[in-house]
Protein backbone atom coordinates (compact mmCIF):
# COMPACT_ATOMS: atom_id res chain seq x y z
CA UNK A 1 -42.01 -36.00 -141.55
CA UNK A 2 -43.62 -35.02 -138.26
CA UNK A 3 -45.70 -32.41 -140.07
CA UNK A 4 -47.33 -34.83 -142.50
CA UNK A 5 -50.11 -35.91 -140.11
CA UNK A 6 -51.08 -32.25 -139.68
CA UNK A 7 -51.06 -31.78 -143.44
CA UNK A 8 -53.15 -34.92 -144.04
CA UNK A 9 -55.64 -33.99 -141.30
CA UNK A 10 -55.94 -30.46 -142.72
CA UNK A 11 -56.56 -31.81 -146.23
CA UNK A 12 -59.18 -34.15 -144.80
CA UNK A 13 -60.99 -31.30 -143.04
CA UNK A 14 -60.89 -29.20 -146.21
CA UNK A 15 -62.33 -32.10 -148.22
CA UNK A 16 -65.20 -32.46 -145.76
CA UNK A 17 -66.05 -28.76 -145.93
CA UNK A 18 -65.91 -28.74 -149.74
CA UNK A 19 -68.05 -31.87 -150.13
CA UNK A 20 -70.60 -31.16 -147.39
CA UNK A 21 -72.46 -28.52 -149.41
CA UNK A 22 -72.86 -30.63 -152.58
CA UNK A 23 -73.95 -33.60 -150.46
CA UNK A 24 -76.63 -31.49 -148.78
CA UNK A 25 -77.83 -30.20 -152.13
CA UNK A 26 -77.93 -33.69 -153.64
CA UNK A 27 -79.85 -35.43 -150.87
CA UNK A 28 -82.41 -32.65 -150.29
CA UNK A 29 -82.91 -31.50 -153.90
CA UNK A 30 -85.11 -29.63 -154.89
CA UNK A 31 -85.56 -28.17 -151.38
CA UNK A 32 -83.50 -25.03 -150.82
CA UNK A 33 -84.79 -23.29 -147.73
CA UNK A 34 -82.49 -23.83 -144.76
CA UNK A 35 -80.17 -26.22 -146.60
CA UNK A 36 -77.37 -23.82 -147.47
CA UNK A 37 -77.36 -22.42 -143.92
CA UNK A 38 -76.37 -25.83 -142.52
CA UNK A 39 -72.94 -25.81 -144.15
CA UNK A 40 -71.23 -23.37 -141.80
CA UNK A 41 -73.16 -23.87 -138.57
CA UNK A 42 -71.14 -24.42 -135.40
CA UNK A 43 -72.34 -28.03 -135.27
CA UNK A 44 -70.94 -28.72 -138.74
CA UNK A 45 -67.64 -26.98 -138.00
CA UNK A 46 -67.33 -28.75 -134.65
CA UNK A 47 -67.97 -32.11 -136.32
CA UNK A 48 -65.31 -31.41 -138.95
CA UNK A 49 -62.90 -30.38 -136.19
CA UNK A 50 -63.46 -33.62 -134.28
CA UNK A 51 -62.96 -35.67 -137.44
CA UNK A 52 -59.70 -33.83 -138.13
CA UNK A 53 -58.45 -34.60 -134.62
CA UNK A 54 -59.36 -38.26 -135.10
CA UNK A 55 -57.52 -38.30 -138.43
CA UNK A 56 -54.43 -36.92 -136.73
CA UNK A 57 -54.78 -39.46 -133.91
CA UNK A 58 -55.07 -42.32 -136.42
CA UNK A 59 -51.75 -41.30 -137.96
CA UNK A 60 -49.70 -41.27 -134.74
CA UNK A 61 -48.58 -44.89 -135.06
CA UNK A 62 -47.79 -44.67 -138.81
CA UNK A 63 -45.63 -41.62 -138.06
CA UNK A 64 -43.60 -43.53 -135.48
CA UNK A 65 -43.33 -46.59 -137.74
CA UNK A 66 -42.23 -44.56 -140.77
CA UNK A 67 -39.72 -42.62 -138.64
CA UNK A 68 -38.41 -45.89 -137.16
CA UNK A 69 -39.06 -44.67 -133.65
CA UNK A 70 -40.37 -46.88 -130.85
CA UNK A 71 -44.14 -46.76 -130.64
CA UNK A 72 -45.44 -45.61 -127.28
CA UNK A 73 -48.42 -47.35 -125.75
CA UNK A 74 -50.20 -44.00 -125.53
CA UNK A 75 -49.79 -43.48 -129.28
CA UNK A 76 -51.06 -46.98 -129.99
CA UNK A 77 -54.12 -46.50 -127.82
CA UNK A 78 -54.83 -43.14 -129.46
CA UNK A 79 -54.76 -44.70 -132.92
CA UNK A 80 -56.89 -47.64 -131.83
CA UNK A 81 -59.49 -45.42 -130.16
CA UNK A 82 -59.67 -43.13 -133.21
CA UNK A 83 -60.20 -46.03 -135.62
CA UNK A 84 -62.75 -47.64 -133.30
CA UNK A 85 -64.64 -44.34 -132.99
CA UNK A 86 -64.97 -44.15 -136.78
CA UNK A 87 -66.35 -47.69 -136.84
CA UNK A 88 -68.82 -46.63 -134.15
CA UNK A 89 -69.82 -43.66 -136.32
CA UNK A 90 -70.62 -46.11 -139.13
CA UNK A 91 -72.68 -48.33 -136.83
CA UNK A 92 -74.57 -45.31 -135.49
CA UNK A 93 -75.16 -44.02 -139.02
CA UNK A 94 -76.58 -47.37 -140.15
CA UNK A 95 -78.74 -47.59 -137.02
CA UNK A 96 -80.39 -44.18 -137.47
CA UNK A 97 -81.03 -44.93 -141.16
CA UNK A 98 -82.89 -48.09 -140.15
CA UNK A 99 -84.61 -46.08 -137.39
CA UNK A 100 -86.07 -43.58 -139.87
CA UNK A 101 -86.89 -46.31 -142.39
CA UNK A 102 -88.95 -48.25 -139.82
CA UNK A 103 -90.50 -45.53 -137.67
CA UNK A 104 -90.76 -42.49 -140.03
CA UNK A 105 -89.35 -40.51 -137.06
CA UNK A 106 -92.46 -41.37 -135.03
CA UNK A 107 -90.77 -43.87 -132.74
CA UNK A 108 -89.96 -41.41 -129.96
CA UNK A 109 -86.70 -40.81 -128.15
CA UNK A 110 -86.39 -44.43 -127.03
CA UNK A 111 -85.36 -45.63 -130.48
CA UNK A 112 -82.89 -42.78 -130.89
CA UNK A 113 -81.24 -43.66 -127.58
CA UNK A 114 -81.06 -47.28 -128.72
CA UNK A 115 -79.14 -46.10 -131.80
CA UNK A 116 -76.78 -44.06 -129.63
CA UNK A 117 -76.28 -46.98 -127.25
CA UNK A 118 -75.57 -49.28 -130.18
CA UNK A 119 -72.92 -46.89 -131.43
CA UNK A 120 -71.24 -46.62 -128.01
CA UNK A 121 -71.27 -50.40 -127.54
CA UNK A 122 -69.68 -50.86 -130.97
CA UNK A 123 -66.99 -48.31 -130.03
CA UNK A 124 -66.01 -50.49 -127.09
CA UNK A 125 -66.08 -53.65 -129.19
CA UNK A 126 -63.91 -52.23 -131.99
CA UNK A 127 -61.48 -50.70 -129.50
CA UNK A 128 -60.87 -54.12 -127.95
CA UNK A 129 -60.71 -55.82 -131.35
CA UNK A 130 -58.23 -53.35 -132.87
CA UNK A 131 -56.07 -53.40 -129.74
CA UNK A 132 -55.99 -57.20 -129.78
CA UNK A 133 -55.16 -57.37 -133.48
CA UNK A 134 -52.42 -54.73 -133.11
CA UNK A 135 -50.67 -56.88 -130.51
CA UNK A 136 -50.68 -59.97 -132.75
CA UNK A 137 -49.13 -58.41 -135.88
CA UNK A 138 -46.57 -55.75 -136.93
CA UNK A 139 -47.84 -52.25 -136.26
CA UNK A 140 -47.98 -51.19 -139.91
CA UNK A 141 -50.04 -54.28 -140.69
CA UNK A 142 -52.33 -53.44 -137.78
CA UNK A 143 -52.96 -49.94 -139.12
CA UNK A 144 -53.66 -51.32 -142.59
CA UNK A 145 -56.12 -53.80 -141.08
CA UNK A 146 -57.92 -50.92 -139.38
CA UNK A 147 -57.99 -49.11 -142.70
CA UNK A 148 -59.49 -52.11 -144.50
CA UNK A 149 -62.16 -52.42 -141.81
CA UNK A 150 -63.02 -48.72 -142.21
CA UNK A 151 -63.29 -49.06 -145.99
CA UNK A 152 -65.44 -52.19 -145.80
CA UNK A 153 -67.59 -50.76 -143.02
CA UNK A 154 -68.19 -47.46 -144.83
CA UNK A 155 -69.25 -49.27 -148.02
CA UNK A 156 -71.66 -51.48 -146.08
CA UNK A 157 -73.04 -48.45 -144.22
CA UNK A 158 -73.62 -46.58 -147.49
CA UNK A 159 -75.40 -49.62 -148.90
CA UNK A 160 -77.87 -49.14 -146.05
CA UNK A 161 -77.96 -45.33 -146.07
CA UNK A 162 -78.54 -44.74 -149.79
CA UNK A 163 -81.62 -46.99 -150.28
CA UNK A 164 -83.22 -45.91 -146.99
CA UNK A 165 -82.69 -42.25 -147.90
CA UNK A 166 -84.39 -42.77 -151.27
CA UNK A 167 -87.35 -44.39 -149.53
CA UNK A 168 -87.54 -41.64 -146.87
CA UNK A 169 -87.42 -38.83 -149.42
CA UNK A 170 -90.35 -40.33 -151.31
CA UNK A 171 -92.60 -40.59 -148.27
CA UNK A 172 -93.33 -36.87 -148.11
CA UNK A 173 -93.54 -36.42 -144.33
CA UNK A 174 -91.97 -33.53 -142.45
CA UNK A 175 -88.13 -33.68 -142.22
CA UNK A 176 -88.09 -36.70 -144.54
CA UNK A 177 -84.56 -37.94 -145.05
CA UNK A 178 -82.96 -36.11 -142.11
CA UNK A 179 -81.71 -39.20 -140.27
CA UNK A 180 -80.69 -40.95 -143.47
CA UNK A 181 -78.79 -37.80 -144.49
CA UNK A 182 -76.81 -38.07 -141.26
CA UNK A 183 -76.15 -41.70 -142.17
CA UNK A 184 -74.92 -40.67 -145.61
CA UNK A 185 -72.66 -38.01 -144.08
CA UNK A 186 -71.22 -40.61 -141.68
CA UNK A 187 -70.50 -43.05 -144.49
CA UNK A 188 -68.87 -40.56 -146.84
CA UNK A 189 -66.85 -38.97 -144.02
CA UNK A 190 -65.39 -42.30 -142.92
CA UNK A 191 -64.61 -43.55 -146.42
CA UNK A 192 -62.54 -40.38 -146.97
CA UNK A 193 -61.11 -40.75 -143.46
CA UNK A 194 -59.80 -44.22 -144.34
CA UNK A 195 -57.60 -42.78 -147.07
CA UNK A 196 -55.51 -40.92 -144.47
CA UNK A 197 -53.05 -43.73 -143.66
CA UNK A 198 -52.59 -44.56 -147.36
CA UNK A 199 -51.87 -40.93 -148.13
CA UNK A 200 -49.41 -40.70 -145.26
CA UNK A 201 -47.57 -43.92 -146.19
CA UNK A 202 -47.29 -42.57 -149.75
CA UNK A 203 -45.76 -39.34 -148.43
CA UNK A 204 -43.47 -41.26 -146.07
CA UNK A 205 -42.18 -43.55 -148.81
CA UNK A 206 -41.43 -40.56 -151.02
CA UNK A 207 -39.74 -38.73 -148.14
CA UNK A 208 -37.52 -41.71 -147.34
CA UNK A 209 -36.36 -41.92 -150.95
CA UNK A 210 -35.52 -38.21 -151.06
CA UNK A 211 -34.02 -37.95 -147.56
CA UNK A 212 -32.46 -41.32 -146.66
CA UNK A 213 -29.93 -39.80 -144.25
CA UNK A 214 -32.61 -37.89 -142.32
CA UNK A 215 -34.71 -41.04 -142.02
CA UNK A 216 -31.77 -43.04 -140.62
CA UNK A 217 -31.04 -40.34 -138.06
CA UNK A 218 -34.68 -40.31 -136.98
């Protein structure tokens, strides 16, 4: 069962790589120059790698719960920080979509730093909130609450990203839709990310039915 988080994180990374190209094509159609080259740049691969690490970190507590092992504080903090970071990614994605919608990328670096600061502040807020909620309920319920927040947050972020991207793409200025594309990528990445715990719990339940003696020994 210890290998399931690695398997889930690997599947998540593969899903991101497979879907990134079609998403690029869809949001920048009919433009072709320079779009295909973005799929396998080091920035894209590094981003996918970070998301895979966060997916693995999110699953540390579910692994301990499913294995009936005591949950270490370090594992709990890792899961909380990973979930909070994904919420911060959603907040940042929504902020830069609004930034491009309002300024047409003519607002200067000040507005971009405001978006980054908003994302960092939300990371701190969600870290404290998830840690507080995890202490007040069973750990599996706490992870499921994080998952519901990620699902709800990603849907709300996409409701901002999709309309603003449509508006930006119809304005016709240089690099139209770049920031809103990042917002779309954030939203779709996190909504897939939120399926990780559900997928793991499904695997764990199946494993426990097939190997009850191994689960009791664990």
